[in-house]
């Protein structure tokens, strides 16, 4: 099979998210996400997808301090939130809706 010289961050993020959703503990969930490498050629908002996914995982395990830390980091980069179509693709639209009241809309 011919090797493709293209960014893989989108698919790698997608796979890692769904693996993290199926993991049986918080540390394993976070580890899947930490292994994703977003290159310069990838969509840089994928880093924000990973951040909000981590916040969601911390929420699932009632780690409020870590969740808020990641929400704040996410909102620093995405003050008006991410487009819904991106979040739908990664299974995170429902979670972004829960933090919507913290966003800065223009």
C-alpha atoms as a PDB file:
ATOM      1  CA  UNK A   1       0.000   0.000   0.000  1.00  0.00           C
ATOM      2  CA  UNK A   2       1.296   3.448  -0.906  1.00  0.00           C
ATOM      3  CA  UNK A   3       2.061   5.752   2.014  1.00  0.00           C
ATOM      4  CA  UNK A   4       0.073   8.997   1.992  1.00  0.00           C
ATOM      5  CA  UNK A   5       1.871  12.249   2.701  1.00  0.00           C
ATOM      6  CA  UNK A   6      -1.056  14.038   4.315  1.00  0.00           C
ATOM      7  CA  UNK A   7      -2.069  15.265   7.750  1.00  0.00           C
ATOM      8  CA  UNK A   8      -3.683  12.593   9.932  1.00  0.00           C
ATOM      9  CA  UNK A   9      -4.695  14.686  12.925  1.00  0.00           C
ATOM     10  CA  UNK A  10      -8.412  14.646  12.143  1.00  0.00           C
ATOM     11  CA  UNK A  11      -8.718  10.878  11.932  1.00  0.00           C
ATOM     12  CA  UNK A  12      -6.263  10.347  14.794  1.00  0.00           C
ATOM     13  CA  UNK A  13      -8.335  12.681  16.986  1.00  0.00           C
ATOM     14  CA  UNK A  14     -11.541  10.915  16.014  1.00  0.00           C
ATOM     15  CA  UNK A  15     -10.128   7.484  16.837  1.00  0.00           C
ATOM     16  CA  UNK A  16      -8.634   8.675  20.140  1.00  0.00           C
ATOM     17  CA  UNK A  17     -11.900  10.283  21.218  1.00  0.00           C
ATOM     18  CA  UNK A  18     -13.953   7.186  20.609  1.00  0.00           C
ATOM     19  CA  UNK A  19     -11.312   5.054  22.345  1.00  0.00           C
ATOM     20  CA  UNK A  20     -11.407   7.447  25.301  1.00  0.00           C
ATOM     21  CA  UNK A  21     -15.207   7.205  25.470  1.00  0.00           C
ATOM     22  CA  UNK A  22     -14.922   3.410  25.705  1.00  0.00           C
ATOM     23  CA  UNK A  23     -12.115   3.384  28.271  1.00  0.00           C
ATOM     24  CA  UNK A  24     -13.027   2.115  31.717  1.00  0.00           C
ATOM     25  CA  UNK A  25     -11.148   4.713  33.754  1.00  0.00           C
ATOM     26  CA  UNK A  26     -10.258   8.381  33.600  1.00  0.00           C
ATOM     27  CA  UNK A  27      -6.498   7.972  33.211  1.00  0.00           C
ATOM     28  CA  UNK A  28      -6.870   5.621  30.252  1.00  0.00           C
ATOM     29  CA  UNK A  29      -9.331   8.029  28.647  1.00  0.00           C
ATOM     30  CA  UNK A  30      -6.931  10.948  28.986  1.00  0.00           C
ATOM     31  CA  UNK A  31      -3.981   8.841  27.795  1.00  0.00           C
ATOM     32  CA  UNK A  32      -5.706   8.137  24.471  1.00  0.00           C
ATOM     33  CA  UNK A  33      -6.113  11.875  23.908  1.00  0.00           C
ATOM     34  CA  UNK A  34      -2.579  12.724  25.006  1.00  0.00           C
ATOM     35  CA  UNK A  35      -1.153  10.442  22.322  1.00  0.00           C
ATOM     36  CA  UNK A  36      -2.650  12.451  19.449  1.00  0.00           C
ATOM     37  CA  UNK A  37      -0.167  14.622  17.567  1.00  0.00           C
ATOM     38  CA  UNK A  38      -1.556  17.579  15.644  1.00  0.00           C
ATOM     39  CA  UNK A  39       0.893  18.678  12.943  1.00  0.00           C
ATOM     40  CA  UNK A  40       1.288  22.123  11.419  1.00  0.00           C
ATOM     41  CA  UNK A  41      -0.637  20.850   8.397  1.00  0.00           C
ATOM     42  CA  UNK A  42      -3.644  19.734  10.459  1.00  0.00           C
ATOM     43  CA  UNK A  43      -6.584  21.926  11.436  1.00  0.00           C
ATOM     44  CA  UNK A  44      -5.329  23.675  14.553  1.00  0.00           C
ATOM     45  CA  UNK A  45      -8.814  23.674  16.102  1.00  0.00           C
ATOM     46  CA  UNK A  46      -8.289  19.933  16.618  1.00  0.00           C
ATOM     47  CA  UNK A  47      -6.234  20.920  19.679  1.00  0.00           C
ATOM     48  CA  UNK A  48      -9.381  22.583  21.022  1.00  0.00           C
ATOM     49  CA  UNK A  49     -11.413  19.455  20.295  1.00  0.00           C
ATOM     50  CA  UNK A  50      -8.948  17.507  22.420  1.00  0.00           C
ATOM     51  CA  UNK A  51      -9.168  20.115  25.192  1.00  0.00           C
ATOM     52  CA  UNK A  52     -12.972  20.070  25.337  1.00  0.00           C
ATOM     53  CA  UNK A  53     -12.910  16.269  25.191  1.00  0.00           C
ATOM     54  CA  UNK A  54     -10.643  16.218  28.231  1.00  0.00           C
ATOM     55  CA  UNK A  55     -13.030  18.584  30.029  1.00  0.00           C
ATOM     56  CA  UNK A  56     -15.881  16.221  29.183  1.00  0.00           C
ATOM     57  CA  UNK A  57     -13.961  13.237  30.547  1.00  0.00           C
ATOM     58  CA  UNK A  58     -13.142  15.091  33.759  1.00  0.00           C
ATOM     59  CA  UNK A  59     -16.840  15.938  34.024  1.00  0.00           C
ATOM     60  CA  UNK A  60     -17.743  12.251  33.692  1.00  0.00           C
ATOM     61  CA  UNK A  61     -15.447  11.432  36.603  1.00  0.00           C
ATOM     62  CA  UNK A  62     -16.555  14.402  38.760  1.00  0.00           C
ATOM     63  CA  UNK A  63     -13.120  16.043  38.606  1.00  0.00           C
ATOM     64  CA  UNK A  64     -14.533  19.578  38.733  1.00  0.00           C
ATOM     65  CA  UNK A  65     -11.247  21.432  39.157  1.00  0.00           C
ATOM     66  CA  UNK A  66      -9.627  19.711  36.167  1.00  0.00           C
ATOM     67  CA  UNK A  67     -12.795  20.109  34.133  1.00  0.00           C
ATOM     68  CA  UNK A  68     -12.918  23.862  34.795  1.00  0.00           C
ATOM     69  CA  UNK A  69      -9.226  24.200  33.970  1.00  0.00           C
ATOM     70  CA  UNK A  70      -9.837  22.622  30.553  1.00  0.00           C
ATOM     71  CA  UNK A  71     -13.051  24.572  29.951  1.00  0.00           C
ATOM     72  CA  UNK A  72     -11.157  27.809  30.594  1.00  0.00           C
ATOM     73  CA  UNK A  73      -8.364  26.734  28.259  1.00  0.00           C
ATOM     74  CA  UNK A  74     -10.891  25.816  25.576  1.00  0.00           C
ATOM     75  CA  UNK A  75     -12.765  29.113  25.908  1.00  0.00           C
ATOM     76  CA  UNK A  76      -9.513  31.080  25.783  1.00  0.00           C
ATOM     77  CA  UNK A  77      -8.934  29.683  22.267  1.00  0.00           C
ATOM     78  CA  UNK A  78     -12.600  29.448  21.237  1.00  0.00           C
ATOM     79  CA  UNK A  79     -14.394  32.294  23.073  1.00  0.00           C
ATOM     80  CA  UNK A  80     -17.444  32.018  20.800  1.00  0.00           C
ATOM     81  CA  UNK A  81     -17.321  28.194  20.783  1.00  0.00           C
ATOM     82  CA  UNK A  82     -16.661  25.791  17.924  1.00  0.00           C
ATOM     83  CA  UNK A  83     -18.981  25.295  14.987  1.00  0.00           C
ATOM     84  CA  UNK A  84     -21.585  22.609  15.741  1.00  0.00           C
ATOM     85  CA  UNK A  85     -20.636  20.478  12.726  1.00  0.00           C
ATOM     86  CA  UNK A  86     -17.148  19.956  14.153  1.00  0.00           C
ATOM     87  CA  UNK A  87     -18.501  18.915  17.525  1.00  0.00           C
ATOM     88  CA  UNK A  88     -21.098  16.588  16.032  1.00  0.00           C
ATOM     89  CA  UNK A  89     -18.309  14.743  14.211  1.00  0.00           C
ATOM     90  CA  UNK A  90     -16.535  14.126  17.498  1.00  0.00           C
ATOM     91  CA  UNK A  91     -19.586  13.458  19.684  1.00  0.00           C
ATOM     92  CA  UNK A  92     -19.120  16.615  21.747  1.00  0.00           C
ATOM     93  CA  UNK A  93     -21.965  18.951  20.785  1.00  0.00           C
ATOM     94  CA  UNK A  94     -23.998  17.984  23.847  1.00  0.00           C
ATOM     95  CA  UNK A  95     -21.085  18.879  26.130  1.00  0.00           C
ATOM     96  CA  UNK A  96     -20.371  22.226  24.463  1.00  0.00           C
ATOM     97  CA  UNK A  97     -24.040  23.082  25.050  1.00  0.00           C
ATOM     98  CA  UNK A  98     -23.475  22.623  28.788  1.00  0.00           C
ATOM     99  CA  UNK A  99     -20.650  25.194  28.855  1.00  0.00           C
ATOM    100  CA  UNK A 100     -22.288  27.647  26.463  1.00  0.00           C
ATOM    101  CA  UNK A 101     -23.209  30.063  29.262  1.00  0.00           C
ATOM    102  CA  UNK A 102     -19.493  30.623  29.952  1.00  0.00           C
ATOM    103  CA  UNK A 103     -18.686  31.704  26.357  1.00  0.00           C
ATOM    104  CA  UNK A 104     -18.172  35.305  25.223  1.00  0.00           C
ATOM    105  CA  UNK A 105     -20.536  36.015  22.382  1.00  0.00           C
ATOM    106  CA  UNK A 106     -20.151  39.188  20.369  1.00  0.00           C
END
